Amino acid sequence: MPDLILASSSVYRRQLLDRLGVPFRTISPDIDESLLDGETPLAAALRLARTKAAAIADTHAGSLVIGSDQIAVLNGECLGKPGTPERAAAQLAAMSGKTLVFHTALCLRDAASGREQFEDVPTTVKMRSLTTAEIDRYLQQDEPYDCAGSAKVESLGIALTERVTSDDPTALIGLPLIALCRMLRAEGVTVP
């Protein structure tokens, strides 16, 4: 099996990839994740996933490199990682009772051939109507300051949602494993 590298510093993506039981290592791609002027959220997610994979593939010949990126969209606006309790509270208040789309883009790049497989796995999330007290309690317990949209559905954040719709339940956590397994098999990697 070729050297498999996850181009990410995300603990969530690493935990998801661990589920597959294939050996891999992680390397942070250290790229500029700023959105480009006029770029749609979908285009940005795909570009960033491909850029992450390419950045690592360029220096690790013979490897298969996984890049992934997620962008949350509310009313056409991108929601980033809040970073602070105040920004997380503002995001959750804005999301209250509304529907968001999370674009989780995935890229698998063969460093030897330059071949790329990439796709977007969208997830639609309908949030419950939230009170300020619910938001405050949630933030104190889950501290989701490193998650786009300020809610960890793999944890207590699931209590904030009314409905989640996706072709892949792992996409919302940050790495769509169904699509990744399909891509890995296309590269000759046996899963399971």
N, C-alpha and C. Protein backbone atom coordinates (compact mmCIF):
# COMPACT_ATOMS: atom_id res chain seq x y z
N MET A 1 0.84 -1.18 0.00
CA MET A 1 0.00 0.00 0.00
C MET A 1 0.88 1.24 0.00
N PRO A 2 0.53 2.25 -0.80
CA PRO A 2 1.33 3.48 -0.79
C PRO A 2 1.18 4.21 0.55
N ASP A 3 2.13 5.05 0.82
CA ASP A 3 2.09 5.90 2.01
C ASP A 3 0.83 6.77 1.94
N LEU A 4 -0.01 6.69 2.94
CA LEU A 4 -1.25 7.47 2.98
C LEU A 4 -1.06 8.62 3.97
N ILE A 5 -1.31 9.83 3.48
CA ILE A 5 -1.13 11.03 4.31
C ILE A 5 -2.43 11.81 4.36
N LEU A 6 -2.84 12.18 5.55
CA LEU A 6 -3.97 13.08 5.75
C LEU A 6 -3.39 14.49 5.87
N ALA A 7 -3.70 15.35 4.91
CA ALA A 7 -3.19 16.73 4.90
C ALA A 7 -4.09 17.57 5.79
N SER A 8 -3.86 17.47 7.09
CA SER A 8 -4.74 18.15 8.04
C SER A 8 -4.11 18.18 9.42
N SER A 9 -4.50 19.18 10.19
CA SER A 9 -4.13 19.22 11.60
C SER A 9 -5.37 18.97 12.47
N SER A 10 -6.49 18.63 11.83
CA SER A 10 -7.75 18.44 12.54
C SER A 10 -7.80 17.12 13.30
N VAL A 11 -8.04 17.19 14.58
CA VAL A 11 -8.20 15.99 15.40
C VAL A 11 -9.45 15.23 14.97
N TYR A 12 -10.48 15.95 14.52
CA TYR A 12 -11.73 15.31 14.10
C TYR A 12 -11.51 14.46 12.85
N ARG A 13 -10.79 15.00 11.88
CA ARG A 13 -10.51 14.24 10.66
C ARG A 13 -9.62 13.04 10.96
N ARG A 14 -8.66 13.21 11.83
CA ARG A 14 -7.78 12.10 12.20
C ARG A 14 -8.58 10.98 12.87
N GLN A 15 -9.50 11.34 13.77
CA GLN A 15 -10.33 10.34 14.43
C GLN A 15 -11.22 9.60 13.43
N LEU A 16 -11.76 10.32 12.47
CA LEU A 16 -12.59 9.68 11.46
C LEU A 16 -11.78 8.71 10.62
N LEU A 17 -10.62 9.12 10.15
CA LEU A 17 -9.79 8.26 9.31
C LEU A 17 -9.32 7.03 10.09
N ASP A 18 -9.12 7.15 11.38
CA ASP A 18 -8.76 5.99 12.22
C ASP A 18 -9.79 4.87 12.10
N ARG A 19 -11.05 5.23 11.86
CA ARG A 19 -12.12 4.22 11.76
C ARG A 19 -11.86 3.21 10.65
N LEU A 20 -11.16 3.62 9.60
CA LEU A 20 -10.96 2.74 8.46
C LEU A 20 -9.91 1.66 8.70
N GLY A 21 -9.08 1.82 9.73
CA GLY A 21 -8.09 0.81 10.06
C GLY A 21 -6.95 0.70 9.07
N VAL A 22 -6.74 1.74 8.27
CA VAL A 22 -5.61 1.74 7.34
C VAL A 22 -4.50 2.61 7.93
N PRO A 23 -3.24 2.21 7.75
CA PRO A 23 -2.16 3.04 8.29
C PRO A 23 -2.06 4.37 7.53
N PHE A 24 -1.87 5.43 8.28
CA PHE A 24 -1.71 6.76 7.70
C PHE A 24 -0.95 7.63 8.66
N ARG A 25 -0.50 8.75 8.15
CA ARG A 25 0.10 9.77 9.00
C ARG A 25 -0.52 11.11 8.64
N THR A 26 -0.36 12.08 9.51
CA THR A 26 -0.92 13.40 9.24
C THR A 26 0.22 14.42 9.11
N ILE A 27 0.01 15.34 8.20
CA ILE A 27 0.92 16.46 8.02
C ILE A 27 0.05 17.69 7.77
N SER A 28 0.29 18.74 8.53
CA SER A 28 -0.46 19.97 8.33
C SER A 28 0.00 20.66 7.06
N PRO A 29 -0.93 21.01 6.16
CA PRO A 29 -0.52 21.61 4.88
C PRO A 29 -0.11 23.07 4.97
N ASP A 30 -0.46 23.77 6.02
CA ASP A 30 -0.04 25.15 6.21
C ASP A 30 -0.28 26.01 4.96
N ILE A 31 -1.56 26.14 4.58
CA ILE A 31 -1.92 26.96 3.42
C ILE A 31 -2.78 28.13 3.87
N ASP A 32 -2.90 29.12 3.02
CA ASP A 32 -3.79 30.25 3.26
C ASP A 32 -5.22 29.79 2.94
N GLU A 33 -6.09 29.80 3.94
CA GLU A 33 -7.46 29.32 3.75
C GLU A 33 -8.46 30.45 3.52
N SER A 34 -7.96 31.62 3.17
CA SER A 34 -8.84 32.76 2.90
C SER A 34 -9.67 32.48 1.65
N LEU A 35 -10.90 32.98 1.65
CA LEU A 35 -11.75 32.87 0.48
C LEU A 35 -11.32 33.91 -0.55
N LEU A 36 -11.46 33.57 -1.81
CA LEU A 36 -11.12 34.50 -2.89
C LEU A 36 -12.32 35.39 -3.20
N ASP A 37 -12.06 36.58 -3.68
CA ASP A 37 -13.15 37.50 -4.03
C ASP A 37 -14.08 36.83 -5.05
N GLY A 38 -15.38 36.85 -4.74
CA GLY A 38 -16.39 36.32 -5.64
C GLY A 38 -16.50 34.81 -5.67
N GLU A 39 -15.72 34.13 -4.86
CA GLU A 39 -15.73 32.67 -4.84
C GLU A 39 -16.95 32.15 -4.10
N THR A 40 -17.64 31.18 -4.68
CA THR A 40 -18.78 30.58 -4.00
C THR A 40 -18.28 29.67 -2.88
N PRO A 41 -19.11 29.40 -1.88
CA PRO A 41 -18.69 28.49 -0.82
C PRO A 41 -18.31 27.11 -1.34
N LEU A 42 -19.07 26.58 -2.28
CA LEU A 42 -18.75 25.28 -2.85
C LEU A 42 -17.40 25.31 -3.56
N ALA A 43 -17.17 26.31 -4.39
CA ALA A 43 -15.90 26.43 -5.11
C ALA A 43 -14.74 26.58 -4.12
N ALA A 44 -14.95 27.33 -3.06
CA ALA A 44 -13.90 27.52 -2.05
C ALA A 44 -13.56 26.21 -1.36
N ALA A 45 -14.57 25.46 -0.95
CA ALA A 45 -14.32 24.19 -0.27
C ALA A 45 -13.54 23.23 -1.17
N LEU A 46 -13.95 23.13 -2.43
CA LEU A 46 -13.25 22.25 -3.36
C LEU A 46 -11.81 22.73 -3.60
N ARG A 47 -11.64 24.03 -3.80
CA ARG A 47 -10.29 24.57 -4.04
C ARG A 47 -9.38 24.30 -2.84
N LEU A 48 -9.90 24.52 -1.64
CA LEU A 48 -9.08 24.34 -0.44
C LEU A 48 -8.72 22.87 -0.22
N ALA A 49 -9.66 21.96 -0.45
CA ALA A 49 -9.36 20.53 -0.30
C ALA A 49 -8.27 20.12 -1.29
N ARG A 50 -8.39 20.57 -2.53
CA ARG A 50 -7.40 20.23 -3.56
C ARG A 50 -6.05 20.88 -3.26
N THR A 51 -6.06 22.12 -2.77
CA THR A 51 -4.81 22.82 -2.45
C THR A 51 -4.09 22.14 -1.29
N LYS A 52 -4.84 21.70 -0.28
CA LYS A 52 -4.22 21.00 0.85
C LYS A 52 -3.54 19.71 0.38
N ALA A 53 -4.26 18.94 -0.43
CA ALA A 53 -3.69 17.68 -0.93
C ALA A 53 -2.46 17.94 -1.79
N ALA A 54 -2.54 18.93 -2.66
CA ALA A 54 -1.42 19.24 -3.56
C ALA A 54 -0.19 19.73 -2.78
N ALA A 55 -0.42 20.52 -1.75
CA ALA A 55 0.70 21.07 -0.97
C ALA A 55 1.54 19.96 -0.36
N ILE A 56 0.90 18.91 0.13
CA ILE A 56 1.64 17.81 0.73
C ILE A 56 2.17 16.86 -0.34
N ALA A 57 1.37 16.60 -1.37
CA ALA A 57 1.80 15.70 -2.45
C ALA A 57 3.06 16.21 -3.15
N ASP A 58 3.20 17.52 -3.25
CA ASP A 58 4.36 18.10 -3.93
C ASP A 58 5.69 17.74 -3.26
N THR A 59 5.66 17.43 -1.98
CA THR A 59 6.90 17.12 -1.25
C THR A 59 6.95 15.67 -0.75
N HIS A 60 5.96 14.84 -1.14
CA HIS A 60 5.93 13.46 -0.67
C HIS A 60 5.61 12.52 -1.84
N ALA A 61 6.56 12.40 -2.74
CA ALA A 61 6.40 11.56 -3.93
C ALA A 61 6.04 10.13 -3.53
N GLY A 62 5.16 9.54 -4.30
CA GLY A 62 4.76 8.16 -4.05
C GLY A 62 3.65 8.01 -3.03
N SER A 63 3.19 9.10 -2.47
CA SER A 63 2.14 9.04 -1.45
C SER A 63 0.76 9.26 -2.06
N LEU A 64 -0.24 8.80 -1.33
CA LEU A 64 -1.63 9.19 -1.59
C LEU A 64 -1.98 10.20 -0.51
N VAL A 65 -2.45 11.36 -0.93
CA VAL A 65 -2.69 12.44 0.02
C VAL A 65 -4.17 12.81 0.04
N ILE A 66 -4.71 12.89 1.24
CA ILE A 66 -6.12 13.25 1.45
C ILE A 66 -6.20 14.70 1.90
N GLY A 67 -6.95 15.50 1.17
CA GLY A 67 -7.23 16.87 1.57
C GLY A 67 -8.73 17.02 1.76
N SER A 68 -9.13 17.76 2.77
CA SER A 68 -10.56 17.99 3.00
C SER A 68 -10.75 19.38 3.57
N ASP A 69 -11.88 19.97 3.25
CA ASP A 69 -12.21 21.29 3.80
C ASP A 69 -13.72 21.38 3.94
N GLN A 70 -14.16 22.14 4.91
CA GLN A 70 -15.59 22.29 5.13
C GLN A 70 -15.94 23.77 5.30
N ILE A 71 -17.02 24.15 4.61
CA ILE A 71 -17.52 25.52 4.74
C ILE A 71 -19.01 25.45 5.05
N ALA A 72 -19.40 26.14 6.10
CA ALA A 72 -20.80 26.22 6.49
C ALA A 72 -21.40 27.48 5.87
N VAL A 73 -22.62 27.35 5.35
CA VAL A 73 -23.27 28.46 4.65
C VAL A 73 -24.65 28.71 5.26
N LEU A 74 -24.88 29.95 5.65
CA LEU A 74 -26.17 30.38 6.17
C LEU A 74 -26.61 31.61 5.39
N ASN A 75 -27.75 31.52 4.74
CA ASN A 75 -28.27 32.64 3.95
C ASN A 75 -27.23 33.18 2.95
N GLY A 76 -26.48 32.27 2.33
CA GLY A 76 -25.49 32.66 1.34
C GLY A 76 -24.17 33.15 1.91
N GLU A 77 -24.07 33.27 3.22
CA GLU A 77 -22.85 33.74 3.88
C GLU A 77 -22.08 32.57 4.48
N CYS A 78 -20.75 32.61 4.34
CA CYS A 78 -19.90 31.58 4.92
C CYS A 78 -19.73 31.82 6.41
N LEU A 79 -19.86 30.74 7.18
CA LEU A 79 -19.61 30.80 8.61
C LEU A 79 -18.29 30.10 8.88
N GLY A 80 -17.35 30.80 9.42
CA GLY A 80 -16.06 30.20 9.72
C GLY A 80 -16.04 29.61 11.12
N LYS A 81 -14.85 29.24 11.54
CA LYS A 81 -14.66 28.78 12.91
C LYS A 81 -14.75 30.00 13.80
N PRO A 82 -15.56 29.97 14.85
CA PRO A 82 -15.77 31.19 15.64
C PRO A 82 -14.55 31.64 16.42
N GLY A 83 -13.80 30.71 17.00
CA GLY A 83 -12.60 31.08 17.73
C GLY A 83 -12.83 31.58 19.15
N THR A 84 -13.95 32.28 19.38
CA THR A 84 -14.23 32.82 20.72
C THR A 84 -15.67 32.49 21.12
N PRO A 85 -15.93 32.49 22.43
CA PRO A 85 -17.31 32.25 22.90
C PRO A 85 -18.30 33.29 22.37
N GLU A 86 -17.87 34.53 22.28
CA GLU A 86 -18.77 35.59 21.82
C GLU A 86 -19.18 35.38 20.36
N ARG A 87 -18.21 35.04 19.51
CA ARG A 87 -18.53 34.79 18.10
C ARG A 87 -19.36 33.52 17.94
N ALA A 88 -19.08 32.51 18.74
CA ALA A 88 -19.86 31.27 18.68
C ALA A 88 -21.31 31.54 19.08
N ALA A 89 -21.51 32.33 20.13
CA ALA A 89 -22.87 32.66 20.56
C ALA A 89 -23.61 33.43 19.46
N ALA A 90 -22.91 34.35 18.81
CA ALA A 90 -23.53 35.12 17.72
C ALA A 90 -23.88 34.21 16.54
N GLN A 91 -22.99 33.28 16.19
CA GLN A 91 -23.29 32.34 15.10
C GLN A 91 -24.52 31.50 15.44
N LEU A 92 -24.54 30.94 16.63
CA LEU A 92 -25.66 30.08 17.01
C LEU A 92 -26.97 30.86 17.06
N ALA A 93 -26.94 32.10 17.53
CA ALA A 93 -28.16 32.92 17.54
C ALA A 93 -28.64 33.18 16.12
N ALA A 94 -27.72 33.44 15.21
CA ALA A 94 -28.09 33.67 13.80
C ALA A 94 -28.63 32.41 13.15
N MET A 95 -28.14 31.24 13.57
CA MET A 95 -28.56 29.95 13.00
C MET A 95 -29.87 29.45 13.59
N SER A 96 -30.28 30.00 14.71
CA SER A 96 -31.46 29.52 15.42
C SER A 96 -32.69 29.45 14.50
N GLY A 97 -33.28 28.25 14.40
CA GLY A 97 -34.49 28.06 13.61
C GLY A 97 -34.27 28.04 12.10
N LYS A 98 -33.01 28.10 11.67
CA LYS A 98 -32.72 28.20 10.24
C LYS A 98 -32.07 26.92 9.70
N THR A 99 -31.96 26.88 8.37
CA THR A 99 -31.33 25.75 7.69
C THR A 99 -30.00 26.20 7.11
N LEU A 100 -28.97 25.40 7.34
CA LEU A 100 -27.62 25.67 6.84
C LEU A 100 -27.22 24.54 5.90
N VAL A 101 -26.25 24.84 5.06
CA VAL A 101 -25.63 23.81 4.24
C VAL A 101 -24.15 23.79 4.58
N PHE A 102 -23.65 22.59 4.83
CA PHE A 102 -22.23 22.39 5.07
C PHE A 102 -21.66 21.72 3.82
N HIS A 103 -20.72 22.38 3.15
CA HIS A 103 -20.03 21.78 2.01
C HIS A 103 -18.75 21.15 2.54
N THR A 104 -18.67 19.83 2.48
CA THR A 104 -17.45 19.13 2.89
C THR A 104 -16.80 18.59 1.63
N ALA A 105 -15.72 19.21 1.24
CA ALA A 105 -15.01 18.82 0.03
C ALA A 105 -13.90 17.86 0.38
N LEU A 106 -13.67 16.92 -0.53
CA LEU A 106 -12.68 15.88 -0.33
C LEU A 106 -11.84 15.75 -1.60
N CYS A 107 -10.54 15.57 -1.43
CA CYS A 107 -9.64 15.34 -2.56
C CYS A 107 -8.66 14.24 -2.17
N LEU A 108 -8.47 13.27 -3.07
CA LEU A 108 -7.43 12.27 -2.92
C LEU A 108 -6.49 12.44 -4.10
N ARG A 109 -5.23 12.72 -3.80
CA ARG A 109 -4.23 12.99 -4.85
C ARG A 109 -3.12 11.94 -4.79
N ASP A 110 -2.86 11.32 -5.92
CA ASP A 110 -1.75 10.40 -6.08
C ASP A 110 -0.53 11.24 -6.43
N ALA A 111 0.41 11.33 -5.51
CA ALA A 111 1.58 12.20 -5.72
C ALA A 111 2.44 11.72 -6.88
N ALA A 112 2.45 10.43 -7.13
CA ALA A 112 3.30 9.89 -8.20
C ALA A 112 2.77 10.26 -9.58
N SER A 113 1.47 10.14 -9.78
CA SER A 113 0.89 10.38 -11.11
C SER A 113 0.26 11.76 -11.25
N GLY A 114 -0.02 12.41 -10.13
CA GLY A 114 -0.73 13.69 -10.17
C GLY A 114 -2.24 13.52 -10.31
N ARG A 115 -2.71 12.28 -10.39
CA ARG A 115 -4.14 12.02 -10.53
C ARG A 115 -4.87 12.50 -9.27
N GLU A 116 -6.01 13.15 -9.52
CA GLU A 116 -6.84 13.67 -8.43
C GLU A 116 -8.26 13.15 -8.58
N GLN A 117 -8.82 12.80 -7.45
CA GLN A 117 -10.26 12.55 -7.37
C GLN A 117 -10.77 13.57 -6.35
N PHE A 118 -11.86 14.23 -6.67
CA PHE A 118 -12.39 15.18 -5.70
C PHE A 118 -13.90 15.30 -5.85
N GLU A 119 -14.55 15.64 -4.75
CA GLU A 119 -15.99 15.87 -4.77
C GLU A 119 -16.43 16.60 -3.52
N ASP A 120 -17.63 17.12 -3.60
CA ASP A 120 -18.28 17.80 -2.48
C ASP A 120 -19.37 16.88 -1.95
N VAL A 121 -19.44 16.74 -0.64
CA VAL A 121 -20.51 15.97 0.00
C VAL A 121 -21.29 16.96 0.87
N PRO A 122 -22.41 17.49 0.36
CA PRO A 122 -23.15 18.49 1.12
C PRO A 122 -24.01 17.86 2.22
N THR A 123 -24.20 18.61 3.28
CA THR A 123 -25.07 18.21 4.38
C THR A 123 -25.96 19.40 4.71
N THR A 124 -27.26 19.14 4.80
CA THR A 124 -28.21 20.18 5.19
C THR A 124 -28.57 19.97 6.65
N VAL A 125 -28.50 21.05 7.42
CA VAL A 125 -28.80 20.98 8.85
C VAL A 125 -29.87 22.01 9.18
N LYS A 126 -30.96 21.54 9.74
CA LYS A 126 -32.03 22.42 10.23
C LYS A 126 -31.83 22.56 11.73
N MET A 127 -31.59 23.79 12.17
CA MET A 127 -31.38 24.04 13.60
C MET A 127 -32.72 24.27 14.31
N ARG A 128 -32.78 23.85 15.55
CA ARG A 128 -33.95 24.17 16.37
C ARG A 128 -33.93 25.67 16.69
N SER A 129 -35.06 26.19 17.12
CA SER A 129 -35.08 27.55 17.66
C SER A 129 -34.40 27.47 19.03
N LEU A 130 -33.39 28.31 19.21
CA LEU A 130 -32.57 28.24 20.42
C LEU A 130 -32.76 29.48 21.29
N THR A 131 -32.82 29.27 22.59
CA THR A 131 -32.86 30.40 23.51
C THR A 131 -31.43 30.80 23.86
N THR A 132 -31.28 31.99 24.38
CA THR A 132 -29.96 32.45 24.81
C THR A 132 -29.41 31.54 25.90
N ALA A 133 -30.27 31.09 26.81
CA ALA A 133 -29.82 30.19 27.88
C ALA A 133 -29.33 28.86 27.32
N GLU A 134 -30.02 28.32 26.31
CA GLU A 134 -29.58 27.06 25.68
C GLU A 134 -28.23 27.24 25.01
N ILE A 135 -28.07 28.34 24.31
CA ILE A 135 -26.80 28.61 23.64
C ILE A 135 -25.67 28.72 24.67
N ASP A 136 -25.90 29.46 25.75
CA ASP A 136 -24.88 29.63 26.79
C ASP A 136 -24.51 28.30 27.43
N ARG A 137 -25.52 27.49 27.76
CA ARG A 137 -25.25 26.17 28.36
C ARG A 137 -24.45 25.28 27.41
N TYR A 138 -24.86 25.30 26.16
CA TYR A 138 -24.17 24.48 25.18
C TYR A 138 -22.71 24.90 25.06
N LEU A 139 -22.46 26.18 24.92
CA LEU A 139 -21.09 26.67 24.75
C LEU A 139 -20.22 26.34 25.96
N GLN A 140 -20.77 26.41 27.15
CA GLN A 140 -20.01 26.08 28.36
C GLN A 140 -19.63 24.60 28.40
N GLN A 141 -20.52 23.75 27.87
CA GLN A 141 -20.28 22.32 27.96
C GLN A 141 -19.45 21.76 26.80
N ASP A 142 -19.65 22.26 25.58
CA ASP A 142 -19.02 21.65 24.41
C ASP A 142 -17.84 22.45 23.85
N GLU A 143 -17.77 23.74 24.12
CA GLU A 143 -16.69 24.61 23.66
C GLU A 143 -16.33 24.37 22.18
N PRO A 144 -17.26 24.62 21.26
CA PRO A 144 -17.06 24.30 19.84
C PRO A 144 -16.39 25.43 19.05
N TYR A 145 -15.37 26.03 19.59
CA TYR A 145 -14.80 27.24 18.99
C TYR A 145 -13.93 26.97 17.77
N ASP A 146 -13.63 25.68 17.54
CA ASP A 146 -12.81 25.31 16.38
C ASP A 146 -13.63 24.62 15.29
N CYS A 147 -14.97 24.79 15.35
CA CYS A 147 -15.86 24.13 14.39
C CYS A 147 -16.66 25.17 13.60
N ALA A 148 -16.64 25.04 12.28
CA ALA A 148 -17.46 25.92 11.44
C ALA A 148 -18.92 25.74 11.84
N GLY A 149 -19.59 26.83 12.14
CA GLY A 149 -20.99 26.77 12.55
C GLY A 149 -21.19 26.63 14.04
N SER A 150 -20.12 26.50 14.81
CA SER A 150 -20.17 26.53 16.27
C SER A 150 -20.97 25.40 16.93
N ALA A 151 -21.10 24.25 16.27
CA ALA A 151 -21.83 23.15 16.89
C ALA A 151 -21.18 21.82 16.50
N LYS A 152 -20.88 21.01 17.49
CA LYS A 152 -20.30 19.68 17.25
C LYS A 152 -21.43 18.65 17.27
N VAL A 153 -21.89 18.24 16.11
CA VAL A 153 -22.98 17.26 16.07
C VAL A 153 -22.55 15.89 16.56
N GLU A 154 -21.26 15.61 16.56
CA GLU A 154 -20.78 14.34 17.09
C GLU A 154 -20.76 14.34 18.61
N SER A 155 -21.13 15.46 19.20
CA SER A 155 -21.14 15.63 20.64
C SER A 155 -22.49 16.24 21.04
N LEU A 156 -22.50 17.14 21.99
CA LEU A 156 -23.73 17.73 22.50
C LEU A 156 -24.44 18.60 21.47
N GLY A 157 -23.74 19.06 20.45
CA GLY A 157 -24.35 19.90 19.42
C GLY A 157 -25.53 19.24 18.71
N ILE A 158 -25.61 17.93 18.75
CA ILE A 158 -26.74 17.23 18.14
C ILE A 158 -28.05 17.68 18.79
N ALA A 159 -28.02 18.08 20.04
CA ALA A 159 -29.21 18.53 20.75
C ALA A 159 -29.73 19.87 20.23
N LEU A 160 -28.92 20.58 19.45
CA LEU A 160 -29.33 21.87 18.89
C LEU A 160 -30.02 21.72 17.54
N THR A 161 -29.97 20.53 16.99
CA THR A 161 -30.48 20.32 15.64
C THR A 161 -31.87 19.71 15.64
N GLU A 162 -32.58 20.02 14.58
CA GLU A 162 -33.90 19.45 14.35
C GLU A 162 -33.81 18.31 13.33
N ARG A 163 -32.91 18.50 12.35
CA ARG A 163 -32.80 17.50 11.28
C ARG A 163 -31.44 17.66 10.58
N VAL A 164 -30.86 16.51 10.20
CA VAL A 164 -29.62 16.48 9.44
C VAL A 164 -29.84 15.58 8.22
N THR A 165 -29.55 16.10 7.03
CA THR A 165 -29.74 15.34 5.80
C THR A 165 -28.44 15.31 5.02
N SER A 166 -27.95 14.07 4.74
CA SER A 166 -26.70 13.91 4.00
C SER A 166 -26.61 12.49 3.46
N ASP A 167 -25.83 12.33 2.40
CA ASP A 167 -25.54 11.00 1.89
C ASP A 167 -24.47 10.30 2.70
N ASP A 168 -23.79 11.04 3.59
CA ASP A 168 -22.69 10.48 4.36
C ASP A 168 -22.68 11.13 5.75
N PRO A 169 -23.00 10.37 6.80
CA PRO A 169 -23.07 10.97 8.13
C PRO A 169 -21.73 11.50 8.65
N THR A 170 -20.62 11.03 8.09
CA THR A 170 -19.32 11.52 8.55
C THR A 170 -18.92 12.85 7.90
N ALA A 171 -19.61 13.23 6.83
CA ALA A 171 -19.27 14.47 6.14
C ALA A 171 -19.40 15.67 7.07
N LEU A 172 -20.44 15.69 7.87
CA LEU A 172 -20.67 16.84 8.75
C LEU A 172 -19.57 16.98 9.81
N ILE A 173 -18.93 15.88 10.16
CA ILE A 173 -17.85 15.94 11.14
C ILE A 173 -16.54 16.39 10.49
N GLY A 174 -16.46 16.30 9.15
CA GLY A 174 -15.31 16.89 8.48
C GLY A 174 -14.57 16.03 7.48
N LEU A 175 -14.89 14.72 7.40
CA LEU A 175 -14.21 13.86 6.43
C LEU A 175 -15.21 12.81 5.95
N PRO A 176 -15.73 12.95 4.73
CA PRO A 176 -16.75 12.01 4.23
C PRO A 176 -16.14 10.64 3.91
N LEU A 177 -16.30 9.71 4.82
CA LEU A 177 -15.65 8.41 4.70
C LEU A 177 -16.21 7.54 3.58
N ILE A 178 -17.49 7.65 3.28
CA ILE A 178 -18.06 6.84 2.19
C ILE A 178 -17.38 7.22 0.88
N ALA A 179 -17.29 8.51 0.61
CA ALA A 179 -16.62 8.97 -0.61
C ALA A 179 -15.14 8.62 -0.57
N LEU A 180 -14.50 8.76 0.58
CA LEU A 180 -13.08 8.46 0.69
C LEU A 180 -12.81 6.98 0.42
N CYS A 181 -13.64 6.10 0.95
CA CYS A 181 -13.45 4.66 0.70
C CYS A 181 -13.54 4.36 -0.80
N ARG A 182 -14.49 4.97 -1.47
CA ARG A 182 -14.63 4.79 -2.92
C ARG A 182 -13.37 5.27 -3.65
N MET A 183 -12.85 6.43 -3.23
CA MET A 183 -11.63 6.96 -3.85
C MET A 183 -10.43 6.07 -3.58
N LEU A 184 -10.29 5.59 -2.35
CA LEU A 184 -9.16 4.74 -2.00
C LEU A 184 -9.20 3.43 -2.79
N ARG A 185 -10.39 2.84 -2.92
CA ARG A 185 -10.51 1.61 -3.70
C ARG A 185 -10.11 1.84 -5.16
N ALA A 186 -10.47 3.01 -5.70
CA ALA A 186 -10.09 3.33 -7.08
C ALA A 186 -8.57 3.43 -7.24
N GLU A 187 -7.86 3.68 -6.14
CA GLU A 187 -6.39 3.74 -6.16
C GLU A 187 -5.76 2.41 -5.74
N GLY A 188 -6.60 1.37 -5.58
CA GLY A 188 -6.07 0.05 -5.24
C GLY A 188 -5.88 -0.22 -3.77
N VAL A 189 -6.39 0.67 -2.91
CA VAL A 189 -6.27 0.47 -1.46
C VAL A 189 -7.46 -0.36 -1.00
N THR A 190 -7.20 -1.45 -0.30
CA THR A 190 -8.27 -2.34 0.18
C THR A 190 -8.87 -1.76 1.46
N VAL A 191 -10.16 -1.49 1.40
CA VAL A 191 -10.91 -1.01 2.58
C VAL A 191 -12.24 -1.76 2.60
N PRO A 192 -12.58 -2.59 3.51
CA PRO A 192 -11.75 -3.01 4.64
C PRO A 192 -10.78 -4.10 4.24
